[in-house]
Amino acid sequence: MHYTLNAPYIVHETIDGETIVMNLKNGFYYSFTGIGPAIWELIMAGASHDQIRTIMSQSFGSLMPDFEEVLNSFITELKTNEIILESQEPLFTHTDAGLKSLASSDLFAPETAKPPVFHRYTDMQDVLLLDPIHDVDEKGWPEPKTPRK
């Protein structure tokens, strides 16, 4: 089993051990820390579920005995929020060497061995769902049209 982005609706970036994800379909944005960004990067690299579990076990198994439950819970959260979808094919073609190289990055350092903290934000929904061409007034984005009476 592989995972793929819910394209073209998902925009994401990982910065300083935190991943930010915007869902342009529902207007929510998310952030996650702990081992969440490491799992995310493996998903983005096209790793299968079994490969993710193996790499996470090698990286965090001794530091986080319940990592498999944490992994499954985190992936369920991503699927429930329509950030990723299950797929029979990988998002990207990868090599085992490429995955091993990724697993040596700072995201897999022992200090990140904490369950992911998954935040969902709805405060920007109106702006993120605003059509910048059709739903704005003369001032332009992000000023919505004033409803006519």
N, C-alpha and C. Protein backbone atom coordinates (compact mmCIF):
# COMPACT_ATOMS: atom_id res chain seq x y z
N MET A 1 0.84 -1.18 0.00
CA MET A 1 0.00 0.00 0.00
C MET A 1 0.89 1.24 0.00
N HIS A 2 0.54 2.18 -0.86
CA HIS A 2 1.23 3.48 -0.94
C HIS A 2 0.20 4.57 -0.65
N TYR A 3 0.69 5.78 -0.60
CA TYR A 3 -0.17 6.94 -0.38
C TYR A 3 0.18 7.99 -1.41
N THR A 4 -0.81 8.81 -1.74
CA THR A 4 -0.58 9.89 -2.67
C THR A 4 -1.25 11.15 -2.13
N LEU A 5 -0.78 12.30 -2.56
CA LEU A 5 -1.42 13.55 -2.17
C LEU A 5 -2.81 13.64 -2.75
N ASN A 6 -3.68 14.32 -2.09
CA ASN A 6 -5.00 14.60 -2.63
C ASN A 6 -4.86 15.79 -3.58
N ALA A 7 -4.19 15.54 -4.68
CA ALA A 7 -3.87 16.59 -5.66
C ALA A 7 -5.12 16.96 -6.45
N PRO A 8 -5.21 18.17 -6.87
CA PRO A 8 -4.25 19.27 -6.78
C PRO A 8 -4.49 20.18 -5.58
N TYR A 9 -5.18 19.68 -4.59
CA TYR A 9 -5.66 20.52 -3.49
C TYR A 9 -4.66 20.74 -2.36
N ILE A 10 -3.59 19.96 -2.31
CA ILE A 10 -2.68 20.00 -1.17
C ILE A 10 -1.39 20.73 -1.51
N VAL A 11 -1.03 21.68 -0.66
CA VAL A 11 0.24 22.41 -0.74
C VAL A 11 0.94 22.17 0.59
N HIS A 12 2.25 21.91 0.56
CA HIS A 12 2.92 21.57 1.80
C HIS A 12 4.37 22.06 1.81
N GLU A 13 4.90 22.20 3.02
CA GLU A 13 6.30 22.60 3.21
C GLU A 13 6.72 22.14 4.60
N THR A 14 7.94 21.61 4.69
CA THR A 14 8.51 21.24 5.98
C THR A 14 9.65 22.20 6.27
N ILE A 15 9.55 22.88 7.41
CA ILE A 15 10.55 23.87 7.81
C ILE A 15 10.90 23.65 9.27
N ASP A 16 12.17 23.49 9.55
CA ASP A 16 12.66 23.37 10.93
C ASP A 16 11.90 22.34 11.75
N GLY A 17 11.67 21.16 11.18
CA GLY A 17 11.03 20.08 11.92
C GLY A 17 9.53 20.19 12.06
N GLU A 18 8.91 21.09 11.34
CA GLU A 18 7.45 21.22 11.36
C GLU A 18 6.94 21.21 9.92
N THR A 19 5.91 20.43 9.69
CA THR A 19 5.30 20.39 8.36
C THR A 19 4.00 21.17 8.40
N ILE A 20 3.84 22.05 7.41
CA ILE A 20 2.61 22.84 7.23
C ILE A 20 1.95 22.34 5.95
N VAL A 21 0.66 22.06 6.03
CA VAL A 21 -0.09 21.55 4.89
C VAL A 21 -1.35 22.39 4.73
N MET A 22 -1.60 22.84 3.52
CA MET A 22 -2.84 23.58 3.23
C MET A 22 -3.70 22.72 2.31
N ASN A 23 -4.98 22.62 2.65
CA ASN A 23 -5.94 21.92 1.80
C ASN A 23 -6.80 22.99 1.14
N LEU A 24 -6.55 23.22 -0.13
CA LEU A 24 -7.24 24.28 -0.85
C LEU A 24 -8.67 23.89 -1.23
N LYS A 25 -9.04 22.63 -1.00
CA LYS A 25 -10.41 22.19 -1.28
C LYS A 25 -11.34 22.56 -0.13
N ASN A 26 -10.87 22.37 1.12
CA ASN A 26 -11.75 22.66 2.25
C ASN A 26 -11.35 23.94 3.01
N GLY A 27 -10.19 24.51 2.67
CA GLY A 27 -9.76 25.76 3.29
C GLY A 27 -9.10 25.61 4.64
N PHE A 28 -8.85 24.38 5.08
CA PHE A 28 -8.18 24.15 6.35
C PHE A 28 -6.68 24.07 6.12
N TYR A 29 -5.93 24.38 7.16
CA TYR A 29 -4.50 24.12 7.10
C TYR A 29 -4.10 23.39 8.37
N TYR A 30 -3.00 22.69 8.28
CA TYR A 30 -2.58 21.77 9.32
C TYR A 30 -1.10 21.96 9.60
N SER A 31 -0.69 21.58 10.79
CA SER A 31 0.74 21.51 11.09
C SER A 31 0.96 20.27 11.93
N PHE A 32 2.14 19.70 11.79
CA PHE A 32 2.50 18.59 12.64
C PHE A 32 4.00 18.57 12.91
N THR A 33 4.33 18.07 14.11
CA THR A 33 5.70 18.01 14.59
C THR A 33 5.97 16.60 15.09
N GLY A 34 6.99 16.43 15.91
CA GLY A 34 7.36 15.11 16.40
C GLY A 34 7.86 14.27 15.24
N ILE A 35 7.42 13.01 15.17
CA ILE A 35 7.84 12.15 14.05
C ILE A 35 6.94 12.33 12.83
N GLY A 36 5.94 13.20 12.94
CA GLY A 36 5.04 13.46 11.80
C GLY A 36 5.76 13.90 10.54
N PRO A 37 6.67 14.90 10.61
CA PRO A 37 7.39 15.30 9.41
C PRO A 37 8.23 14.19 8.80
N ALA A 38 8.79 13.30 9.62
CA ALA A 38 9.57 12.17 9.08
C ALA A 38 8.65 11.23 8.31
N ILE A 39 7.50 10.91 8.87
CA ILE A 39 6.53 10.06 8.18
C ILE A 39 6.09 10.74 6.88
N TRP A 40 5.80 12.04 6.95
CA TRP A 40 5.37 12.81 5.79
C TRP A 40 6.41 12.73 4.66
N GLU A 41 7.67 12.93 5.00
CA GLU A 41 8.72 12.91 3.98
C GLU A 41 8.84 11.53 3.34
N LEU A 42 8.63 10.47 4.11
CA LEU A 42 8.65 9.12 3.54
C LEU A 42 7.47 8.92 2.60
N ILE A 43 6.30 9.43 2.98
CA ILE A 43 5.13 9.35 2.09
C ILE A 43 5.41 10.11 0.81
N MET A 44 5.97 11.33 0.94
CA MET A 44 6.27 12.14 -0.24
C MET A 44 7.35 11.51 -1.12
N ALA A 45 8.21 10.69 -0.53
CA ALA A 45 9.26 10.01 -1.30
C ALA A 45 8.73 8.76 -2.00
N GLY A 46 7.46 8.41 -1.74
CA GLY A 46 6.87 7.26 -2.41
C GLY A 46 7.06 5.95 -1.69
N ALA A 47 7.49 5.98 -0.43
CA ALA A 47 7.68 4.75 0.33
C ALA A 47 6.34 4.05 0.56
N SER A 48 6.35 2.74 0.51
CA SER A 48 5.15 1.97 0.82
C SER A 48 4.92 1.98 2.32
N HIS A 49 3.76 1.55 2.74
CA HIS A 49 3.46 1.49 4.17
C HIS A 49 4.47 0.60 4.88
N ASP A 50 4.79 -0.55 4.28
CA ASP A 50 5.76 -1.45 4.89
C ASP A 50 7.14 -0.82 4.99
N GLN A 51 7.56 -0.08 3.97
CA GLN A 51 8.85 0.61 4.02
C GLN A 51 8.86 1.69 5.09
N ILE A 52 7.77 2.42 5.21
CA ILE A 52 7.66 3.46 6.25
C ILE A 52 7.79 2.81 7.62
N ARG A 53 7.05 1.72 7.83
CA ARG A 53 7.09 1.03 9.12
C ARG A 53 8.51 0.53 9.43
N THR A 54 9.21 -0.03 8.44
CA THR A 54 10.57 -0.53 8.65
C THR A 54 11.53 0.59 8.99
N ILE A 55 11.50 1.67 8.23
CA ILE A 55 12.42 2.79 8.46
C ILE A 55 12.12 3.45 9.81
N MET A 56 10.85 3.62 10.12
CA MET A 56 10.49 4.23 11.40
C MET A 56 10.91 3.33 12.56
N SER A 57 10.79 2.02 12.40
CA SER A 57 11.21 1.08 13.43
C SER A 57 12.71 1.17 13.66
N GLN A 58 13.47 1.24 12.58
CA GLN A 58 14.92 1.35 12.70
C GLN A 58 15.33 2.68 13.34
N SER A 59 14.61 3.73 13.03
CA SER A 59 14.95 5.06 13.55
C SER A 59 14.45 5.31 14.96
N PHE A 60 13.23 4.85 15.26
CA PHE A 60 12.58 5.24 16.50
C PHE A 60 12.09 4.08 17.37
N GLY A 61 12.20 2.87 16.87
CA GLY A 61 11.65 1.71 17.60
C GLY A 61 12.11 1.59 19.03
N SER A 62 13.40 1.82 19.28
CA SER A 62 13.91 1.69 20.65
C SER A 62 13.55 2.91 21.50
N LEU A 63 13.27 4.04 20.86
CA LEU A 63 12.94 5.26 21.59
C LEU A 63 11.45 5.44 21.82
N MET A 64 10.66 4.76 21.01
CA MET A 64 9.21 4.90 21.07
C MET A 64 8.59 3.53 20.83
N PRO A 65 8.43 2.74 21.88
CA PRO A 65 7.96 1.37 21.71
C PRO A 65 6.61 1.24 21.00
N ASP A 66 5.76 2.23 21.11
CA ASP A 66 4.43 2.17 20.48
C ASP A 66 4.40 2.88 19.13
N PHE A 67 5.57 2.97 18.46
CA PHE A 67 5.65 3.76 17.23
C PHE A 67 4.69 3.25 16.16
N GLU A 68 4.43 1.95 16.11
CA GLU A 68 3.55 1.42 15.05
C GLU A 68 2.12 1.92 15.24
N GLU A 69 1.66 1.96 16.47
CA GLU A 69 0.33 2.51 16.76
C GLU A 69 0.29 4.00 16.42
N VAL A 70 1.36 4.71 16.77
CA VAL A 70 1.49 6.14 16.46
C VAL A 70 1.49 6.36 14.95
N LEU A 71 2.24 5.54 14.23
CA LEU A 71 2.30 5.63 12.77
C LEU A 71 0.93 5.44 12.15
N ASN A 72 0.25 4.38 12.54
CA ASN A 72 -1.07 4.10 11.97
C ASN A 72 -2.08 5.19 12.31
N SER A 73 -2.02 5.71 13.52
CA SER A 73 -2.92 6.79 13.93
C SER A 73 -2.67 8.05 13.11
N PHE A 74 -1.40 8.38 12.90
CA PHE A 74 -1.05 9.57 12.14
C PHE A 74 -1.51 9.44 10.68
N ILE A 75 -1.27 8.30 10.07
CA ILE A 75 -1.70 8.09 8.68
C ILE A 75 -3.22 8.15 8.58
N THR A 76 -3.91 7.60 9.57
CA THR A 76 -5.38 7.68 9.59
C THR A 76 -5.83 9.14 9.65
N GLU A 77 -5.14 9.94 10.46
CA GLU A 77 -5.46 11.37 10.57
C GLU A 77 -5.29 12.07 9.22
N LEU A 78 -4.20 11.76 8.52
CA LEU A 78 -3.96 12.35 7.20
C LEU A 78 -5.06 11.95 6.22
N LYS A 79 -5.47 10.69 6.24
CA LYS A 79 -6.52 10.22 5.33
C LYS A 79 -7.87 10.82 5.70
N THR A 80 -8.18 10.87 6.99
CA THR A 80 -9.47 11.41 7.45
C THR A 80 -9.63 12.87 7.04
N ASN A 81 -8.54 13.62 7.07
CA ASN A 81 -8.57 15.04 6.70
C ASN A 81 -8.36 15.26 5.20
N GLU A 82 -8.41 14.18 4.43
CA GLU A 82 -8.31 14.22 2.96
C GLU A 82 -7.03 14.89 2.48
N ILE A 83 -5.93 14.66 3.22
CA ILE A 83 -4.63 15.18 2.82
C ILE A 83 -3.94 14.17 1.92
N ILE A 84 -4.04 12.90 2.27
CA ILE A 84 -3.50 11.83 1.44
C ILE A 84 -4.60 10.83 1.11
N LEU A 85 -4.37 10.08 0.07
CA LEU A 85 -5.28 9.02 -0.35
C LEU A 85 -4.48 7.73 -0.47
N GLU A 86 -5.12 6.59 -0.27
CA GLU A 86 -4.44 5.32 -0.49
C GLU A 86 -4.29 5.09 -1.97
N SER A 87 -3.19 4.44 -2.33
CA SER A 87 -2.88 4.21 -3.73
C SER A 87 -2.14 2.89 -3.87
N GLN A 88 -2.33 2.24 -4.99
CA GLN A 88 -1.56 1.02 -5.28
C GLN A 88 -0.18 1.38 -5.83
N GLU A 89 -0.05 2.58 -6.37
CA GLU A 89 1.20 3.03 -6.97
C GLU A 89 1.82 4.12 -6.11
N PRO A 90 3.16 4.18 -6.08
CA PRO A 90 3.82 5.24 -5.30
C PRO A 90 3.63 6.61 -5.92
N LEU A 91 3.69 7.62 -5.08
CA LEU A 91 3.61 9.01 -5.53
C LEU A 91 4.78 9.32 -6.46
N PHE A 92 5.97 8.87 -6.06
CA PHE A 92 7.18 9.05 -6.85
C PHE A 92 7.93 7.73 -6.89
N THR A 93 8.72 7.54 -7.92
CA THR A 93 9.60 6.39 -7.95
C THR A 93 10.80 6.70 -7.07
N HIS A 94 11.20 5.77 -6.27
CA HIS A 94 12.30 5.98 -5.34
C HIS A 94 13.26 4.80 -5.40
N THR A 95 14.39 4.97 -4.81
CA THR A 95 15.34 3.88 -4.65
C THR A 95 15.50 3.61 -3.16
N ASP A 96 15.89 2.41 -2.82
CA ASP A 96 16.13 2.11 -1.42
C ASP A 96 17.24 3.00 -0.87
N ALA A 97 18.24 3.28 -1.71
CA ALA A 97 19.34 4.16 -1.29
C ALA A 97 18.80 5.57 -1.00
N GLY A 98 17.86 6.02 -1.82
CA GLY A 98 17.26 7.34 -1.60
C GLY A 98 16.49 7.40 -0.30
N LEU A 99 15.76 6.33 0.02
CA LEU A 99 15.02 6.29 1.28
C LEU A 99 15.98 6.23 2.47
N LYS A 100 17.06 5.47 2.34
CA LYS A 100 18.06 5.40 3.42
C LYS A 100 18.71 6.77 3.62
N SER A 101 18.98 7.46 2.53
CA SER A 101 19.55 8.80 2.62
C SER A 101 18.59 9.74 3.33
N LEU A 102 17.31 9.67 2.99
CA LEU A 102 16.29 10.49 3.64
C LEU A 102 16.24 10.16 5.13
N ALA A 103 16.33 8.89 5.47
CA ALA A 103 16.25 8.46 6.86
C ALA A 103 17.44 8.93 7.69
N SER A 104 18.48 9.44 7.05
CA SER A 104 19.62 9.96 7.81
C SER A 104 19.51 11.47 8.01
N SER A 105 18.41 12.07 7.58
CA SER A 105 18.23 13.52 7.74
C SER A 105 17.87 13.88 9.18
N ASP A 106 17.88 15.16 9.48
CA ASP A 106 17.57 15.66 10.82
C ASP A 106 16.17 15.28 11.29
N LEU A 107 15.25 15.03 10.37
CA LEU A 107 13.89 14.66 10.76
C LEU A 107 13.85 13.33 11.51
N PHE A 108 14.90 12.53 11.33
CA PHE A 108 14.95 11.21 11.96
C PHE A 108 15.91 11.18 13.15
N ALA A 109 16.31 12.34 13.64
CA ALA A 109 17.20 12.43 14.78
C ALA A 109 16.47 11.97 16.05
N PRO A 110 17.20 11.41 17.00
CA PRO A 110 16.57 10.91 18.24
C PRO A 110 15.72 11.95 18.97
N GLU A 111 16.09 13.22 18.90
CA GLU A 111 15.31 14.25 19.63
C GLU A 111 13.91 14.47 19.03
N THR A 112 13.66 13.95 17.84
CA THR A 112 12.32 14.09 17.25
C THR A 112 11.42 12.91 17.62
N ALA A 113 11.93 11.97 18.41
CA ALA A 113 11.19 10.75 18.75
C ALA A 113 10.05 11.04 19.73
N LYS A 114 9.09 11.79 19.23
CA LYS A 114 7.89 12.12 19.99
C LYS A 114 6.69 11.87 19.08
N PRO A 115 5.58 11.44 19.65
CA PRO A 115 4.39 11.25 18.80
C PRO A 115 4.05 12.54 18.07
N PRO A 116 3.54 12.43 16.85
CA PRO A 116 3.19 13.64 16.11
C PRO A 116 2.10 14.43 16.83
N VAL A 117 2.27 15.73 16.84
CA VAL A 117 1.21 16.62 17.32
C VAL A 117 0.58 17.18 16.06
N PHE A 118 -0.68 16.83 15.84
CA PHE A 118 -1.40 17.18 14.63
C PHE A 118 -2.38 18.30 14.95
N HIS A 119 -2.19 19.46 14.34
CA HIS A 119 -3.08 20.60 14.55
C HIS A 119 -3.87 20.87 13.28
N ARG A 120 -5.13 21.19 13.44
CA ARG A 120 -5.98 21.58 12.32
C ARG A 120 -6.49 22.98 12.60
N TYR A 121 -6.33 23.87 11.61
CA TYR A 121 -6.74 25.26 11.76
C TYR A 121 -7.82 25.60 10.73
N THR A 122 -8.82 26.33 11.18
CA THR A 122 -9.92 26.71 10.29
C THR A 122 -10.05 28.22 10.13
N ASP A 123 -9.19 28.98 10.81
CA ASP A 123 -9.34 30.43 10.85
C ASP A 123 -9.09 31.14 9.51
N MET A 124 -8.43 30.49 8.57
CA MET A 124 -8.14 31.11 7.27
C MET A 124 -9.03 30.54 6.16
N GLN A 125 -10.04 29.77 6.53
CA GLN A 125 -10.87 29.08 5.54
C GLN A 125 -11.48 30.05 4.53
N ASP A 126 -12.02 31.16 4.98
CA ASP A 126 -12.65 32.11 4.05
C ASP A 126 -11.66 32.63 3.02
N VAL A 127 -10.45 32.93 3.46
CA VAL A 127 -9.43 33.46 2.55
C VAL A 127 -8.91 32.38 1.62
N LEU A 128 -8.66 31.17 2.14
CA LEU A 128 -8.12 30.10 1.31
C LEU A 128 -9.12 29.61 0.26
N LEU A 129 -10.40 29.74 0.54
CA LEU A 129 -11.42 29.30 -0.42
C LEU A 129 -11.84 30.41 -1.38
N LEU A 130 -11.36 31.61 -1.15
CA LEU A 130 -11.71 32.76 -1.99
C LEU A 130 -11.11 32.60 -3.38
N ASP A 131 -11.92 32.70 -4.40
CA ASP A 131 -11.44 32.64 -5.79
C ASP A 131 -10.83 34.00 -6.11
N PRO A 132 -9.51 34.08 -6.33
CA PRO A 132 -8.85 35.38 -6.50
C PRO A 132 -9.22 36.11 -7.79
N ILE A 133 -9.96 35.48 -8.66
CA ILE A 133 -10.36 36.14 -9.91
C ILE A 133 -11.83 36.53 -9.88
N HIS A 134 -12.69 35.62 -9.40
CA HIS A 134 -14.12 35.85 -9.51
C HIS A 134 -14.81 36.34 -8.25
N ASP A 135 -14.21 36.09 -7.09
CA ASP A 135 -14.89 36.39 -5.84
C ASP A 135 -14.34 37.61 -5.11
N VAL A 136 -13.66 38.50 -5.82
CA VAL A 136 -13.07 39.67 -5.17
C VAL A 136 -13.66 40.96 -5.73
N ASP A 137 -13.55 42.02 -4.94
CA ASP A 137 -14.04 43.30 -5.44
C ASP A 137 -12.92 44.04 -6.18
N GLU A 138 -13.10 45.31 -6.45
CA GLU A 138 -12.14 46.09 -7.23
C GLU A 138 -10.77 46.20 -6.55
N LYS A 139 -10.74 46.07 -5.22
CA LYS A 139 -9.48 46.16 -4.48
C LYS A 139 -8.59 44.96 -4.75
N GLY A 140 -9.17 43.85 -5.20
CA GLY A 140 -8.40 42.64 -5.47
C GLY A 140 -8.31 41.72 -4.26
N TRP A 141 -7.61 40.64 -4.45
CA TRP A 141 -7.46 39.62 -3.42
C TRP A 141 -6.71 40.20 -2.25
N PRO A 142 -7.07 39.96 -1.01
CA PRO A 142 -8.08 39.04 -0.49
C PRO A 142 -9.37 39.73 -0.07
N GLU A 143 -9.77 40.75 -0.74
CA GLU A 143 -11.00 41.47 -0.40
C GLU A 143 -12.20 40.85 -1.14
N PRO A 144 -13.10 40.17 -0.41
CA PRO A 144 -14.25 39.54 -1.09
C PRO A 144 -15.24 40.58 -1.59
N LYS A 145 -15.98 40.17 -2.61
CA LYS A 145 -17.04 41.04 -3.12
C LYS A 145 -18.04 41.33 -2.01
N THR A 146 -18.56 42.53 -2.03
CA THR A 146 -19.63 42.89 -1.09
C THR A 146 -20.93 42.39 -1.68
N PRO A 147 -21.70 41.63 -0.90
CA PRO A 147 -22.96 41.12 -1.44
C PRO A 147 -23.89 42.26 -1.84
N ARG A 148 -24.54 42.10 -2.97
CA ARG A 148 -25.51 43.12 -3.42
C ARG A 148 -26.81 42.92 -2.70
N LYS A 149 -27.47 44.04 -2.39
CA LYS A 149 -28.77 43.97 -1.67
C LYS A 149 -29.90 44.23 -2.60
